[in-house]
Amino acid sequence: MLRVFREKKFFPACRIGRFNQILLGITIISSLAKDRIDKSLALIKLFNNSQYFHKVDLK
């Protein structure tokens, strides 16, 4: 795993983009699991509201 992080800078950004998104998702999920329930629920509500407004703007 350390070798992957060391060699990551040699790859183009388009190749490491998806990998970084997956790592970011795992980090967010793990931090939500460790956090309090009310904080995670507030973040989930915020995320759902941003998704809703994004859909409204697309219409």
N, C-alpha and C. Protein backbone atom coordinates (compact mmCIF):
# COMPACT_ATOMS: atom_id res chain seq x y z
N MET A 1 0.83 -1.20 0.00
CA MET A 1 0.00 0.00 0.00
C MET A 1 0.87 1.26 0.00
N LEU A 2 1.97 1.23 0.72
CA LEU A 2 2.84 2.40 0.72
C LEU A 2 3.44 2.64 -0.65
N ARG A 3 3.72 1.54 -1.37
CA ARG A 3 4.29 1.69 -2.70
C ARG A 3 3.29 2.36 -3.64
N VAL A 4 2.02 2.04 -3.45
CA VAL A 4 0.99 2.68 -4.28
C VAL A 4 1.00 4.19 -4.06
N PHE A 5 1.08 4.61 -2.80
CA PHE A 5 1.07 6.04 -2.51
C PHE A 5 2.36 6.70 -3.02
N ARG A 6 3.47 5.98 -2.99
CA ARG A 6 4.72 6.56 -3.47
C ARG A 6 4.70 6.70 -4.99
N GLU A 7 4.12 5.71 -5.69
CA GLU A 7 4.11 5.75 -7.15
C GLU A 7 2.94 6.55 -7.70
N LYS A 8 2.06 7.01 -6.84
CA LYS A 8 0.84 7.67 -7.31
C LYS A 8 1.16 8.96 -8.07
N LYS A 9 2.21 9.65 -7.66
CA LYS A 9 2.51 10.93 -8.29
C LYS A 9 3.03 10.77 -9.71
N PHE A 10 3.44 9.55 -10.09
CA PHE A 10 3.93 9.34 -11.45
C PHE A 10 2.80 9.07 -12.44
N PHE A 11 1.60 8.79 -11.94
CA PHE A 11 0.48 8.52 -12.83
C PHE A 11 -0.22 9.83 -13.19
N PRO A 12 -0.87 9.88 -14.33
CA PRO A 12 -1.67 11.07 -14.67
C PRO A 12 -2.82 11.26 -13.69
N ALA A 13 -3.31 12.47 -13.62
CA ALA A 13 -4.37 12.77 -12.66
C ALA A 13 -5.65 12.00 -12.98
N CYS A 14 -5.89 11.72 -14.28
CA CYS A 14 -7.12 11.03 -14.64
C CYS A 14 -7.11 9.60 -14.12
N ARG A 15 -5.94 9.00 -13.96
CA ARG A 15 -5.89 7.62 -13.48
C ARG A 15 -6.06 7.53 -11.97
N ILE A 16 -5.59 8.53 -11.23
CA ILE A 16 -5.69 8.47 -9.77
C ILE A 16 -6.95 9.16 -9.27
N GLY A 17 -7.73 9.77 -10.17
CA GLY A 17 -8.92 10.48 -9.73
C GLY A 17 -9.93 9.57 -9.07
N ARG A 18 -10.23 8.44 -9.74
CA ARG A 18 -11.21 7.50 -9.19
C ARG A 18 -10.70 6.90 -7.88
N PHE A 19 -9.40 6.58 -7.84
CA PHE A 19 -8.83 6.00 -6.62
C PHE A 19 -8.93 6.98 -5.46
N ASN A 20 -8.68 8.26 -5.73
CA ASN A 20 -8.78 9.27 -4.67
C ASN A 20 -10.23 9.44 -4.22
N GLN A 21 -11.18 9.34 -5.16
CA GLN A 21 -12.58 9.46 -4.77
C GLN A 21 -13.00 8.31 -3.87
N ILE A 22 -12.51 7.10 -4.19
CA ILE A 22 -12.84 5.94 -3.35
C ILE A 22 -12.24 6.11 -1.96
N LEU A 23 -10.98 6.57 -1.90
CA LEU A 23 -10.34 6.79 -0.60
C LEU A 23 -11.09 7.86 0.19
N LEU A 24 -11.53 8.92 -0.49
CA LEU A 24 -12.26 9.99 0.19
C LEU A 24 -13.58 9.46 0.75
N GLY A 25 -14.28 8.63 -0.05
CA GLY A 25 -15.53 8.05 0.43
C GLY A 25 -15.32 7.16 1.65
N ILE A 26 -14.26 6.35 1.62
CA ILE A 26 -13.97 5.48 2.76
C ILE A 26 -13.63 6.32 3.99
N THR A 27 -12.88 7.39 3.78
CA THR A 27 -12.51 8.26 4.91
C THR A 27 -13.74 8.92 5.52
N ILE A 28 -14.64 9.40 4.66
CA ILE A 28 -15.86 10.06 5.16
C ILE A 28 -16.73 9.07 5.91
N ILE A 29 -16.88 7.86 5.35
CA ILE A 29 -17.74 6.86 6.00
C ILE A 29 -17.16 6.46 7.35
N SER A 30 -15.84 6.25 7.40
CA SER A 30 -15.23 5.84 8.67
C SER A 30 -15.31 6.96 9.70
N SER A 31 -15.14 8.21 9.27
CA SER A 31 -15.24 9.32 10.22
C SER A 31 -16.67 9.48 10.71
N LEU A 32 -17.65 9.22 9.83
CA LEU A 32 -19.04 9.29 10.27
C LEU A 32 -19.34 8.17 11.27
N ALA A 33 -18.76 6.99 11.05
CA ALA A 33 -19.02 5.88 11.96
C ALA A 33 -18.44 6.16 13.34
N LYS A 34 -17.30 6.86 13.39
CA LYS A 34 -16.69 7.17 14.68
C LYS A 34 -17.34 8.37 15.35
N ASP A 35 -18.02 9.19 14.57
CA ASP A 35 -18.58 10.43 15.12
C ASP A 35 -19.88 10.14 15.86
N ARG A 36 -20.43 11.17 16.50
CA ARG A 36 -21.71 11.02 17.17
C ARG A 36 -22.82 10.87 16.14
N ILE A 37 -23.93 10.30 16.59
CA ILE A 37 -25.02 10.02 15.65
C ILE A 37 -25.66 11.32 15.17
N ASP A 38 -25.82 12.28 16.07
CA ASP A 38 -26.50 13.52 15.68
C ASP A 38 -25.67 14.31 14.67
N LYS A 39 -24.34 14.28 14.83
CA LYS A 39 -23.50 14.99 13.86
C LYS A 39 -23.57 14.32 12.49
N SER A 40 -23.52 12.99 12.47
CA SER A 40 -23.57 12.28 11.19
C SER A 40 -24.93 12.48 10.53
N LEU A 41 -25.99 12.49 11.34
CA LEU A 41 -27.32 12.73 10.76
C LEU A 41 -27.41 14.13 10.18
N ALA A 42 -26.79 15.11 10.85
CA ALA A 42 -26.81 16.47 10.33
C ALA A 42 -26.04 16.54 9.01
N LEU A 43 -24.91 15.84 8.93
CA LEU A 43 -24.14 15.84 7.68
C LEU A 43 -24.91 15.14 6.57
N ILE A 44 -25.62 14.04 6.92
CA ILE A 44 -26.39 13.33 5.90
C ILE A 44 -27.53 14.23 5.41
N LYS A 45 -28.17 14.95 6.33
CA LYS A 45 -29.24 15.88 5.92
C LYS A 45 -28.68 16.97 5.01
N LEU A 46 -27.51 17.49 5.37
CA LEU A 46 -26.88 18.52 4.54
C LEU A 46 -26.58 17.98 3.15
N PHE A 47 -26.06 16.74 3.10
CA PHE A 47 -25.75 16.13 1.80
C PHE A 47 -27.02 15.92 0.99
N ASN A 48 -28.09 15.45 1.63
CA ASN A 48 -29.35 15.23 0.92
C ASN A 48 -29.92 16.55 0.42
N ASN A 49 -29.81 17.61 1.21
CA ASN A 49 -30.31 18.91 0.77
C ASN A 49 -29.52 19.42 -0.43
N SER A 50 -28.20 19.23 -0.42
CA SER A 50 -27.40 19.69 -1.55
C SER A 50 -27.74 18.89 -2.80
N GLN A 51 -28.00 17.58 -2.65
CA GLN A 51 -28.41 16.78 -3.79
C GLN A 51 -29.76 17.27 -4.32
N TYR A 52 -30.68 17.60 -3.40
CA TYR A 52 -32.01 18.04 -3.81
C TYR A 52 -31.93 19.36 -4.57
N PHE A 53 -31.15 20.31 -4.05
CA PHE A 53 -31.04 21.59 -4.73
C PHE A 53 -30.33 21.43 -6.07
N HIS A 54 -29.40 20.49 -6.15
CA HIS A 54 -28.72 20.26 -7.42
C HIS A 54 -29.71 19.74 -8.46
N LYS A 55 -30.61 18.85 -8.04
CA LYS A 55 -31.62 18.34 -8.97
C LYS A 55 -32.57 19.44 -9.39
N VAL A 56 -32.91 20.33 -8.45
CA VAL A 56 -33.82 21.43 -8.79
C VAL A 56 -33.15 22.37 -9.80
N ASP A 57 -31.85 22.64 -9.62
CA ASP A 57 -31.16 23.52 -10.55
C ASP A 57 -31.06 22.90 -11.94
N LEU A 58 -30.99 21.56 -12.02
CA LEU A 58 -30.88 20.91 -13.32
C LEU A 58 -32.18 21.03 -14.10
N LYS A 59 -33.32 21.12 -13.39
CA LYS A 59 -34.59 21.30 -14.09
C LYS A 59 -34.66 22.73 -14.57
